[in-house]
């Protein structure tokens, strides 16, 4: 087992890998596959909670699963907003070391 990955590395090493023709004009994966087909022109990342039971280490075999936890519509001063809460679960093959990232 190698060195533990720093928390920041979870965003770098576990991004979605999609073909270029599956990207939207904003450079993110197109909506309607995993993400709901919301028609608003922009997306933003609002925050994250990270829960690490034990660190993932360099060389570990891992699996990431993602699920939509909630979709919430709000109306702001400039109009409607859609908030999508996603949980990414990154687990080592031994399943004892799990990291959860919740947007």
PDB file of N, CA and C in Angstrom:
ATOM      1  N   UNK A   1       0.854  -1.177   0.000  1.00  0.00           N
ATOM      2  CA  UNK A   1       0.000   0.000   0.000  1.00  0.00           C
ATOM      3  C   UNK A   1       0.895   1.234   0.000  1.00  0.00           C
ATOM      4  N   UNK A   2       0.512   2.249  -0.806  1.00  0.00           N
ATOM      5  CA  UNK A   2       1.291   3.479  -0.909  1.00  0.00           C
ATOM      6  C   UNK A   2       0.858   4.524   0.104  1.00  0.00           C
ATOM      7  N   UNK A   3       1.292   5.735  -0.160  1.00  0.00           N
ATOM      8  CA  UNK A   3       0.962   6.865   0.704  1.00  0.00           C
ATOM      9  C   UNK A   3      -0.525   7.213   0.603  1.00  0.00           C
ATOM     10  N   UNK A   4      -1.128   7.687   1.695  1.00  0.00           N
ATOM     11  CA  UNK A   4      -2.528   8.127   1.626  1.00  0.00           C
ATOM     12  C   UNK A   4      -2.690   9.324   0.687  1.00  0.00           C
ATOM     13  N   UNK A   5      -3.784   9.339  -0.059  1.00  0.00           N
ATOM     14  CA  UNK A   5      -4.085  10.480  -0.914  1.00  0.00           C
ATOM     15  C   UNK A   5      -4.557  11.643  -0.048  1.00  0.00           C
ATOM     16  N   UNK A   6      -4.106  12.868  -0.338  1.00  0.00           N
ATOM     17  CA  UNK A   6      -4.671  14.011   0.379  1.00  0.00           C
ATOM     18  C   UNK A   6      -6.126  14.212  -0.053  1.00  0.00           C
ATOM     19  N   UNK A   7      -6.923  14.816   0.803  1.00  0.00           N
ATOM     20  CA  UNK A   7      -8.349  15.008   0.523  1.00  0.00           C
ATOM     21  C   UNK A   7      -8.577  15.679  -0.836  1.00  0.00           C
ATOM     22  N   UNK A   8      -7.761  16.675  -1.176  1.00  0.00           N
ATOM     23  CA  UNK A   8      -7.948  17.387  -2.438  1.00  0.00           C
ATOM     24  C   UNK A   8      -7.825  16.463  -3.646  1.00  0.00           C
ATOM     25  N   UNK A   9      -7.077  15.394  -3.518  1.00  0.00           N
ATOM     26  CA  UNK A   9      -6.853  14.477  -4.635  1.00  0.00           C
ATOM     27  C   UNK A   9      -8.113  13.705  -5.025  1.00  0.00           C
ATOM     28  N   UNK A  10      -9.067  13.593  -4.112  1.00  0.00           N
ATOM     29  CA  UNK A  10     -10.284  12.858  -4.437  1.00  0.00           C
ATOM     30  C   UNK A  10     -11.022  13.507  -5.594  1.00  0.00           C
ATOM     31  N   UNK A  11     -10.982  14.835  -5.695  1.00  0.00           N
ATOM     32  CA  UNK A  11     -11.637  15.525  -6.806  1.00  0.00           C
ATOM     33  C   UNK A  11     -10.856  15.346  -8.095  1.00  0.00           C
ATOM     34  N   UNK A  12      -9.556  15.260  -8.009  1.00  0.00           N
ATOM     35  CA  UNK A  12      -8.717  15.129  -9.207  1.00  0.00           C
ATOM     36  C   UNK A  12      -8.754  13.712  -9.778  1.00  0.00           C
ATOM     37  N   UNK A  13      -8.602  12.719  -8.936  1.00  0.00           N
ATOM     38  CA  UNK A  13      -8.451  11.347  -9.411  1.00  0.00           C
ATOM     39  C   UNK A  13      -9.762  10.618  -9.673  1.00  0.00           C
ATOM     40  N   UNK A  14     -10.877  11.165  -9.231  1.00  0.00           N
ATOM     41  CA  UNK A  14     -12.137  10.446  -9.379  1.00  0.00           C
ATOM     42  C   UNK A  14     -13.179  11.244 -10.157  1.00  0.00           C
ATOM     43  N   UNK A  15     -12.722  12.053 -11.106  1.00  0.00           N
ATOM     44  CA  UNK A  15     -13.623  12.783 -11.984  1.00  0.00           C
ATOM     45  C   UNK A  15     -14.241  11.834 -13.006  1.00  0.00           C
ATOM     46  N   UNK A  16     -15.396  12.240 -13.543  1.00  0.00           N
ATOM     47  CA  UNK A  16     -15.992  11.480 -14.636  1.00  0.00           C
ATOM     48  C   UNK A  16     -15.097  11.586 -15.859  1.00  0.00           C
ATOM     49  N   UNK A  17     -14.905  10.488 -16.533  1.00  0.00           N
ATOM     50  CA  UNK A  17     -14.171  10.487 -17.799  1.00  0.00           C
ATOM     51  C   UNK A  17     -15.209  10.244 -18.885  1.00  0.00           C
ATOM     52  N   UNK A  18     -15.401  11.262 -19.718  1.00  0.00           N
ATOM     53  CA  UNK A  18     -16.401  11.162 -20.783  1.00  0.00           C
ATOM     54  C   UNK A  18     -15.778  11.610 -22.101  1.00  0.00           C
ATOM     55  N   UNK A  19     -16.239  11.056 -23.214  1.00  0.00           N
ATOM     56  CA  UNK A  19     -15.734  11.498 -24.513  1.00  0.00           C
ATOM     57  C   UNK A  19     -16.073  12.967 -24.745  1.00  0.00           C
ATOM     58  N   UNK A  20     -15.265  13.632 -25.541  1.00  0.00           N
ATOM     59  CA  UNK A  20     -15.456  15.057 -25.787  1.00  0.00           C
ATOM     60  C   UNK A  20     -16.839  15.347 -26.366  1.00  0.00           C
ATOM     61  N   UNK A  21     -17.365  14.460 -27.203  1.00  0.00           N
ATOM     62  CA  UNK A  21     -18.685  14.721 -27.786  1.00  0.00           C
ATOM     63  C   UNK A  21     -19.819  14.536 -26.774  1.00  0.00           C
ATOM     64  N   UNK A  22     -19.490  14.099 -25.559  1.00  0.00           N
ATOM     65  CA  UNK A  22     -20.485  13.976 -24.492  1.00  0.00           C
ATOM     66  C   UNK A  22     -20.417  15.137 -23.514  1.00  0.00           C
ATOM     67  N   UNK A  23     -19.604  16.159 -23.856  1.00  0.00           N
ATOM     68  CA  UNK A  23     -19.497  17.351 -23.013  1.00  0.00           C
ATOM     69  C   UNK A  23     -20.439  18.436 -23.521  1.00  0.00           C
ATOM     70  N   UNK A  24     -20.988  19.205 -22.577  1.00  0.00           N
ATOM     71  CA  UNK A  24     -21.799  20.353 -22.943  1.00  0.00           C
ATOM     72  C   UNK A  24     -20.906  21.535 -23.297  1.00  0.00           C
ATOM     73  N   UNK A  25     -21.516  22.640 -23.674  1.00  0.00           N
ATOM     74  CA  UNK A  25     -20.755  23.827 -24.053  1.00  0.00           C
ATOM     75  C   UNK A  25     -19.972  24.409 -22.880  1.00  0.00           C
ATOM     76  N   UNK A  26     -20.355  24.056 -21.653  1.00  0.00           N
ATOM     77  CA  UNK A  26     -19.644  24.546 -20.465  1.00  0.00           C
ATOM     78  C   UNK A  26     -18.488  23.636 -20.052  1.00  0.00           C
ATOM     79  N   UNK A  27     -18.248  22.547 -20.815  1.00  0.00           N
ATOM     80  CA  UNK A  27     -17.144  21.647 -20.511  1.00  0.00           C
ATOM     81  C   UNK A  27     -17.484  20.542 -19.531  1.00  0.00           C
ATOM     82  N   UNK A  28     -18.687  20.534 -19.003  1.00  0.00           N
ATOM     83  CA  UNK A  28     -19.136  19.486 -18.084  1.00  0.00           C
ATOM     84  C   UNK A  28     -19.910  18.426 -18.868  1.00  0.00           C
ATOM     85  N   UNK A  29     -20.055  17.213 -18.301  1.00  0.00           N
ATOM     86  CA  UNK A  29     -20.859  16.200 -18.995  1.00  0.00           C
ATOM     87  C   UNK A  29     -22.263  16.732 -19.297  1.00  0.00           C
ATOM     88  N   UNK A  30     -22.776  16.385 -20.471  1.00  0.00           N
ATOM     89  CA  UNK A  30     -24.112  16.833 -20.866  1.00  0.00           C
ATOM     90  C   UNK A  30     -25.149  16.361 -19.853  1.00  0.00           C
ATOM     91  N   UNK A  31     -26.169  17.159 -19.706  1.00  0.00           N
ATOM     92  CA  UNK A  31     -27.257  16.812 -18.788  1.00  0.00           C
ATOM     93  C   UNK A  31     -28.198  15.826 -19.457  1.00  0.00           C
ATOM     94  N   UNK A  32     -28.884  15.049 -18.634  1.00  0.00           N
ATOM     95  CA  UNK A  32     -29.856  14.107 -19.156  1.00  0.00           C
ATOM     96  C   UNK A  32     -29.389  12.674 -19.107  1.00  0.00           C
ATOM     97  N   UNK A  33     -28.103  12.451 -18.856  1.00  0.00           N
ATOM     98  CA  UNK A  33     -27.611  11.083 -18.677  1.00  0.00           C
ATOM     99  C   UNK A  33     -27.673  10.787 -17.185  1.00  0.00           C
ATOM    100  N   UNK A  34     -26.670  11.202 -16.427  1.00  0.00           N
ATOM    101  CA  UNK A  34     -26.719  11.050 -14.969  1.00  0.00           C
ATOM    102  C   UNK A  34     -27.413  12.261 -14.346  1.00  0.00           C
ATOM    103  N   UNK A  35     -26.958  13.459 -14.732  1.00  0.00           N
ATOM    104  CA  UNK A  35     -27.572  14.673 -14.204  1.00  0.00           C
ATOM    105  C   UNK A  35     -28.935  14.883 -14.834  1.00  0.00           C
ATOM    106  N   UNK A  36     -29.887  15.449 -14.078  1.00  0.00           N
ATOM    107  CA  UNK A  36     -31.211  15.675 -14.662  1.00  0.00           C
ATOM    108  C   UNK A  36     -31.134  16.689 -15.813  1.00  0.00           C
ATOM    109  N   UNK A  37     -32.035  16.603 -16.767  1.00  0.00           N
ATOM    110  CA  UNK A  37     -31.990  17.475 -17.949  1.00  0.00           C
ATOM    111  C   UNK A  37     -32.514  18.884 -17.658  1.00  0.00           C
ATOM    112  N   UNK A  38     -31.916  19.562 -16.703  1.00  0.00           N
ATOM    113  CA  UNK A  38     -32.298  20.931 -16.355  1.00  0.00           C
ATOM    114  C   UNK A  38     -31.843  21.846 -17.488  1.00  0.00           C
ATOM    115  N   UNK A  39     -32.714  22.732 -17.925  1.00  0.00           N
ATOM    116  CA  UNK A  39     -32.401  23.541 -19.107  1.00  0.00           C
ATOM    117  C   UNK A  39     -31.737  24.877 -18.797  1.00  0.00           C
ATOM    118  N   UNK A  40     -31.398  25.160 -17.565  1.00  0.00           N
ATOM    119  CA  UNK A  40     -30.749  26.430 -17.242  1.00  0.00           C
ATOM    120  C   UNK A  40     -29.362  26.476 -17.872  1.00  0.00           C
ATOM    121  N   UNK A  41     -28.888  27.680 -18.260  1.00  0.00           N
ATOM    122  CA  UNK A  41     -27.655  27.782 -19.031  1.00  0.00           C
ATOM    123  C   UNK A  41     -26.360  27.579 -18.235  1.00  0.00           C
ATOM    124  N   UNK A  42     -26.381  27.760 -16.928  1.00  0.00           N
ATOM    125  CA  UNK A  42     -25.134  27.691 -16.154  1.00  0.00           C
ATOM    126  C   UNK A  42     -25.253  26.705 -15.001  1.00  0.00           C
ATOM    127  N   UNK A  43     -24.089  26.211 -14.591  1.00  0.00           N
ATOM    128  CA  UNK A  43     -23.999  25.350 -13.411  1.00  0.00           C
ATOM    129  C   UNK A  43     -22.956  25.944 -12.484  1.00  0.00           C
ATOM    130  N   UNK A  44     -23.099  25.645 -11.225  1.00  0.00           N
ATOM    131  CA  UNK A  44     -22.054  26.032 -10.287  1.00  0.00           C
ATOM    132  C   UNK A  44     -21.988  25.008  -9.186  1.00  0.00           C
ATOM    133  N   UNK A  45     -20.841  24.931  -8.586  1.00  0.00           N
ATOM    134  CA  UNK A  45     -20.619  24.036  -7.475  1.00  0.00           C
ATOM    135  C   UNK A  45     -20.762  24.870  -6.218  1.00  0.00           C
ATOM    136  N   UNK A  46     -21.619  24.447  -5.306  1.00  0.00           N
ATOM    137  CA  UNK A  46     -21.929  25.274  -4.139  1.00  0.00           C
ATOM    138  C   UNK A  46     -21.225  24.820  -2.867  1.00  0.00           C
ATOM    139  N   UNK A  47     -20.689  23.621  -2.822  1.00  0.00           N
ATOM    140  CA  UNK A  47     -20.012  23.173  -1.621  1.00  0.00           C
ATOM    141  C   UNK A  47     -19.979  21.664  -1.540  1.00  0.00           C
ATOM    142  N   UNK A  48     -19.257  21.178  -0.537  1.00  0.00           N
ATOM    143  CA  UNK A  48     -19.110  19.731  -0.396  1.00  0.00           C
ATOM    144  C   UNK A  48     -18.860  19.380   1.070  1.00  0.00           C
ATOM    145  N   UNK A  49     -19.357  18.244   1.469  1.00  0.00           N
ATOM    146  CA  UNK A  49     -19.023  17.628   2.750  1.00  0.00           C
ATOM    147  C   UNK A  49     -18.231  16.374   2.433  1.00  0.00           C
ATOM    148  N   UNK A  50     -17.114  16.172   3.112  1.00  0.00           N
ATOM    149  CA  UNK A  50     -16.278  15.001   2.878  1.00  0.00           C
ATOM    150  C   UNK A  50     -16.211  14.193   4.166  1.00  0.00           C
ATOM    151  N   UNK A  51     -16.471  12.906   4.050  1.00  0.00           N
ATOM    152  CA  UNK A  51     -16.405  12.001   5.195  1.00  0.00           C
ATOM    153  C   UNK A  51     -15.452  10.862   4.817  1.00  0.00           C
ATOM    154  N   UNK A  52     -14.352  10.745   5.539  1.00  0.00           N
ATOM    155  CA  UNK A  52     -13.357   9.719   5.253  1.00  0.00           C
ATOM    156  C   UNK A  52     -13.298   8.763   6.436  1.00  0.00           C
ATOM    157  N   UNK A  53     -13.598   7.482   6.212  1.00  0.00           N
ATOM    158  CA  UNK A  53     -13.488   6.503   7.297  1.00  0.00           C
ATOM    159  C   UNK A  53     -12.049   6.060   7.477  1.00  0.00           C
ATOM    160  N   UNK A  54     -11.317   5.985   6.381  1.00  0.00           N
ATOM    161  CA  UNK A  54      -9.877   5.706   6.382  1.00  0.00           C
ATOM    162  C   UNK A  54      -9.385   6.110   5.001  1.00  0.00           C
ATOM    163  N   UNK A  55      -8.180   6.630   4.906  1.00  0.00           N
ATOM    164  CA  UNK A  55      -7.738   7.169   3.618  1.00  0.00           C
ATOM    165  C   UNK A  55      -7.580   6.112   2.532  1.00  0.00           C
ATOM    166  N   UNK A  56      -7.836   6.555   1.309  1.00  0.00           N
ATOM    167  CA  UNK A  56      -7.513   5.760   0.133  1.00  0.00           C
ATOM    168  C   UNK A  56      -6.028   6.012  -0.147  1.00  0.00           C
ATOM    169  N   UNK A  57      -5.297   4.978  -0.496  1.00  0.00           N
ATOM    170  CA  UNK A  57      -3.850   5.117  -0.687  1.00  0.00           C
ATOM    171  C   UNK A  57      -3.462   4.895  -2.145  1.00  0.00           C
ATOM    172  N   UNK A  58      -2.324   5.467  -2.524  1.00  0.00           N
ATOM    173  CA  UNK A  58      -1.784   5.274  -3.865  1.00  0.00           C
ATOM    174  C   UNK A  58      -1.642   3.771  -4.100  1.00  0.00           C
ATOM    175  N   UNK A  59      -2.148   3.295  -5.217  1.00  0.00           N
ATOM    176  CA  UNK A  59      -2.056   1.878  -5.562  1.00  0.00           C
ATOM    177  C   UNK A  59      -3.278   1.072  -5.186  1.00  0.00           C
ATOM    178  N   UNK A  60      -4.204   1.639  -4.398  1.00  0.00           N
ATOM    179  CA  UNK A  60      -5.423   0.914  -4.024  1.00  0.00           C
ATOM    180  C   UNK A  60      -6.322   0.715  -5.241  1.00  0.00           C
ATOM    181  N   UNK A  61      -6.956  -0.425  -5.319  1.00  0.00           N
ATOM    182  CA  UNK A  61      -8.024  -0.636  -6.295  1.00  0.00           C
ATOM    183  C   UNK A  61      -9.275  -0.034  -5.668  1.00  0.00           C
ATOM    184  N   UNK A  62      -9.943   0.857  -6.391  1.00  0.00           N
ATOM    185  CA  UNK A  62     -11.102   1.553  -5.839  1.00  0.00           C
ATOM    186  C   UNK A  62     -12.259   1.536  -6.817  1.00  0.00           C
ATOM    187  N   UNK A  63     -13.440   1.830  -6.295  1.00  0.00           N
ATOM    188  CA  UNK A  63     -14.634   1.942  -7.116  1.00  0.00           C
ATOM    189  C   UNK A  63     -15.410   3.163  -6.641  1.00  0.00           C
ATOM    190  N   UNK A  64     -15.863   3.978  -7.595  1.00  0.00           N
ATOM    191  CA  UNK A  64     -16.685   5.133  -7.254  1.00  0.00           C
ATOM    192  C   UNK A  64     -18.106   4.877  -7.716  1.00  0.00           C
ATOM    193  N   UNK A  65     -19.053   5.093  -6.833  1.00  0.00           N
ATOM    194  CA  UNK A  65     -20.463   5.056  -7.196  1.00  0.00           C
ATOM    195  C   UNK A  65     -21.054   6.425  -6.871  1.00  0.00           C
ATOM    196  N   UNK A  66     -21.979   6.856  -7.685  1.00  0.00           N
ATOM    197  CA  UNK A  66     -22.591   8.166  -7.496  1.00  0.00           C
ATOM    198  C   UNK A  66     -24.102   8.013  -7.516  1.00  0.00           C
ATOM    199  N   UNK A  67     -24.762   8.823  -6.693  1.00  0.00           N
ATOM    200  CA  UNK A  67     -26.218   8.810  -6.681  1.00  0.00           C
ATOM    201  C   UNK A  67     -26.743  10.214  -6.437  1.00  0.00           C
ATOM    202  N   UNK A  68     -27.862  10.528  -7.057  1.00  0.00           N
ATOM    203  CA  UNK A  68     -28.532  11.791  -6.799  1.00  0.00           C
ATOM    204  C   UNK A  68     -29.334  11.610  -5.522  1.00  0.00           C
ATOM    205  N   UNK A  69     -29.049  12.453  -4.539  1.00  0.00           N
ATOM    206  CA  UNK A  69     -29.711  12.365  -3.231  1.00  0.00           C
ATOM    207  C   UNK A  69     -30.971  13.216  -3.158  1.00  0.00           C
ATOM    208  N   UNK A  70     -30.979  14.349  -3.895  1.00  0.00           N
ATOM    209  CA  UNK A  70     -32.113  15.256  -3.780  1.00  0.00           C
ATOM    210  C   UNK A  70     -32.073  16.244  -4.942  1.00  0.00           C
ATOM    211  N   UNK A  71     -33.236  16.645  -5.404  1.00  0.00           N
ATOM    212  CA  UNK A  71     -33.373  17.717  -6.379  1.00  0.00           C
ATOM    213  C   UNK A  71     -34.357  18.704  -5.785  1.00  0.00           C
ATOM    214  N   UNK A  72     -33.915  19.952  -5.660  1.00  0.00           N
ATOM    215  CA  UNK A  72     -34.733  20.957  -4.984  1.00  0.00           C
ATOM    216  C   UNK A  72     -34.789  22.219  -5.843  1.00  0.00           C
ATOM    217  N   UNK A  73     -35.985  22.726  -6.068  1.00  0.00           N
ATOM    218  CA  UNK A  73     -36.163  23.955  -6.850  1.00  0.00           C
ATOM    219  C   UNK A  73     -36.442  25.103  -5.886  1.00  0.00           C
ATOM    220  N   UNK A  74     -35.712  26.210  -6.094  1.00  0.00           N
ATOM    221  CA  UNK A  74     -35.918  27.423  -5.306  1.00  0.00           C
ATOM    222  C   UNK A  74     -36.070  28.592  -6.272  1.00  0.00           C
ATOM    223  N   UNK A  75     -36.632  29.670  -5.775  1.00  0.00           N
ATOM    224  CA  UNK A  75     -36.725  30.879  -6.571  1.00  0.00           C
ATOM    225  C   UNK A  75     -35.876  31.940  -5.888  1.00  0.00           C
ATOM    226  N   UNK A  76     -34.882  32.437  -6.600  1.00  0.00           N
ATOM    227  CA  UNK A  76     -34.012  33.486  -6.092  1.00  0.00           C
ATOM    228  C   UNK A  76     -34.413  34.830  -6.664  1.00  0.00           C
ATOM    229  N   UNK A  77     -33.649  35.862  -6.357  1.00  0.00           N
ATOM    230  CA  UNK A  77     -33.989  37.209  -6.828  1.00  0.00           C
ATOM    231  C   UNK A  77     -33.921  37.329  -8.343  1.00  0.00           C
ATOM    232  N   UNK A  78     -33.127  36.465  -9.002  1.00  0.00           N
ATOM    233  CA  UNK A  78     -33.021  36.503 -10.461  1.00  0.00           C
ATOM    234  C   UNK A  78     -33.812  35.406 -11.151  1.00  0.00           C
ATOM    235  N   UNK A  79     -34.616  34.659 -10.387  1.00  0.00           N
ATOM    236  CA  UNK A  79     -35.434  33.620 -10.998  1.00  0.00           C
ATOM    237  C   UNK A  79     -35.214  32.260 -10.372  1.00  0.00           C
ATOM    238  N   UNK A  80     -35.689  31.207 -11.038  1.00  0.00           N
ATOM    239  CA  UNK A  80     -35.614  29.864 -10.470  1.00  0.00           C
ATOM    240  C   UNK A  80     -34.198  29.293 -10.475  1.00  0.00           C
ATOM    241  N   UNK A  81     -33.933  28.461  -9.471  1.00  0.00           N
ATOM    242  CA  UNK A  81     -32.666  27.740  -9.320  1.00  0.00           C
ATOM    243  C   UNK A  81     -32.984  26.285  -9.038  1.00  0.00           C
ATOM    244  N   UNK A  82     -32.140  25.395  -9.501  1.00  0.00           N
ATOM    245  CA  UNK A  82     -32.295  23.972  -9.206  1.00  0.00           C
ATOM    246  C   UNK A  82     -31.038  23.509  -8.479  1.00  0.00           C
ATOM    247  N   UNK A  83     -31.228  22.908  -7.308  1.00  0.00           N
ATOM    248  CA  UNK A  83     -30.117  22.376  -6.530  1.00  0.00           C
ATOM    249  C   UNK A  83     -30.172  20.851  -6.613  1.00  0.00           C
ATOM    250  N   UNK A  84     -29.072  20.254  -7.047  1.00  0.00           N
ATOM    251  CA  UNK A  84     -28.985  18.798  -7.151  1.00  0.00           C
ATOM    252  C   UNK A  84     -27.910  18.341  -6.170  1.00  0.00           C
ATOM    253  N   UNK A  85     -28.324  17.547  -5.178  1.00  0.00           N
ATOM    254  CA  UNK A  85     -27.369  17.004  -4.209  1.00  0.00           C
ATOM    255  C   UNK A  85     -26.957  15.609  -4.673  1.00  0.00           C
ATOM    256  N   UNK A  86     -25.649  15.432  -4.780  1.00  0.00           N
ATOM    257  CA  UNK A  86     -25.097  14.173  -5.271  1.00  0.00           C
ATOM    258  C   UNK A  86     -24.171  13.603  -4.209  1.00  0.00           C
ATOM    259  N   UNK A  87     -24.217  12.291  -4.036  1.00  0.00           N
ATOM    260  CA  UNK A  87     -23.246  11.628  -3.157  1.00  0.00           C
ATOM    261  C   UNK A  87     -22.378  10.722  -4.012  1.00  0.00           C
ATOM    262  N   UNK A  88     -21.064  10.940  -3.907  1.00  0.00           N
ATOM    263  CA  UNK A  88     -20.083  10.067  -4.540  1.00  0.00           C
ATOM    264  C   UNK A  88     -19.468   9.239  -3.423  1.00  0.00           C
ATOM    265  N   UNK A  89     -19.406   7.959  -3.624  1.00  0.00           N
ATOM    266  CA  UNK A  89     -18.815   7.053  -2.627  1.00  0.00           C
ATOM    267  C   UNK A  89     -17.626   6.372  -3.283  1.00  0.00           C
ATOM    268  N   UNK A  90     -16.455   6.578  -2.690  1.00  0.00           N
ATOM    269  CA  UNK A  90     -15.224   5.991  -3.213  1.00  0.00           C
ATOM    270  C   UNK A  90     -14.776   4.953  -2.194  1.00  0.00           C
ATOM    271  N   UNK A  91     -14.725   3.704  -2.605  1.00  0.00           N
ATOM    272  CA  UNK A  91     -14.391   2.624  -1.680  1.00  0.00           C
ATOM    273  C   UNK A  91     -13.208   1.823  -2.205  1.00  0.00           C
ATOM    274  N   UNK A  92     -12.308   1.488  -1.302  1.00  0.00           N
ATOM    275  CA  UNK A  92     -11.213   0.584  -1.635  1.00  0.00           C
ATOM    276  C   UNK A  92     -11.781  -0.814  -1.803  1.00  0.00           C
ATOM    277  N   UNK A  93     -11.052  -1.667  -2.485  1.00  0.00           N
ATOM    278  CA  UNK A  93     -11.538  -3.018  -2.764  1.00  0.00           C
ATOM    279  C   UNK A  93     -11.884  -3.782  -1.488  1.00  0.00           C
ATOM    280  N   UNK A  94     -11.213  -3.451  -0.374  1.00  0.00           N
ATOM    281  CA  UNK A  94     -11.520  -4.161   0.869  1.00  0.00           C
ATOM    282  C   UNK A  94     -12.793  -3.643   1.530  1.00  0.00           C
ATOM    283  N   UNK A  95     -13.395  -2.574   0.977  1.00  0.00           N
ATOM    284  CA  UNK A  95     -14.649  -1.983   1.445  1.00  0.00           C
ATOM    285  C   UNK A  95     -14.588  -1.452   2.879  1.00  0.00           C
ATOM    286  N   UNK A  96     -13.450  -1.480   3.500  1.00  0.00           N
ATOM    287  CA  UNK A  96     -13.328  -0.942   4.859  1.00  0.00           C
ATOM    288  C   UNK A  96     -12.966   0.526   4.833  1.00  0.00           C
ATOM    289  N   UNK A  97     -12.370   0.953   3.750  1.00  0.00           N
ATOM    290  CA  UNK A  97     -11.970   2.355   3.626  1.00  0.00           C
ATOM    291  C   UNK A  97     -12.877   3.029   2.614  1.00  0.00           C
ATOM    292  N   UNK A  98     -13.690   3.931   3.085  1.00  0.00           N
ATOM    293  CA  UNK A  98     -14.701   4.580   2.252  1.00  0.00           C
ATOM    294  C   UNK A  98     -14.585   6.089   2.421  1.00  0.00           C
ATOM    295  N   UNK A  99     -14.702   6.801   1.327  1.00  0.00           N
ATOM    296  CA  UNK A  99     -14.788   8.245   1.357  1.00  0.00           C
ATOM    297  C   UNK A  99     -16.093   8.635   0.703  1.00  0.00           C
ATOM    298  N   UNK A 100     -16.851   9.511   1.355  1.00  0.00           N
ATOM    299  CA  UNK A 100     -18.081  10.016   0.787  1.00  0.00           C
ATOM    300  C   UNK A 100     -17.930  11.500   0.534  1.00  0.00           C
ATOM    301  N   UNK A 101     -18.293  11.925  -0.663  1.00  0.00           N
ATOM    302  CA  UNK A 101     -18.279  13.326  -1.052  1.00  0.00           C
ATOM    303  C   UNK A 101     -19.716  13.697  -1.377  1.00  0.00           C
ATOM    304  N   UNK A 102     -20.286  14.632  -0.653  1.00  0.00           N
ATOM    305  CA  UNK A 102     -21.663  15.059  -0.918  1.00  0.00           C
ATOM    306  C   UNK A 102     -21.668  16.503  -1.343  1.00  0.00           C
ATOM    307  N   UNK A 103     -22.180  16.743  -2.559  1.00  0.00           N
ATOM    308  CA  UNK A 103     -22.333  18.112  -3.053  1.00  0.00           C
ATOM    309  C   UNK A 103     -23.554  18.716  -2.413  1.00  0.00           C
TER     310      UNK A 103
END
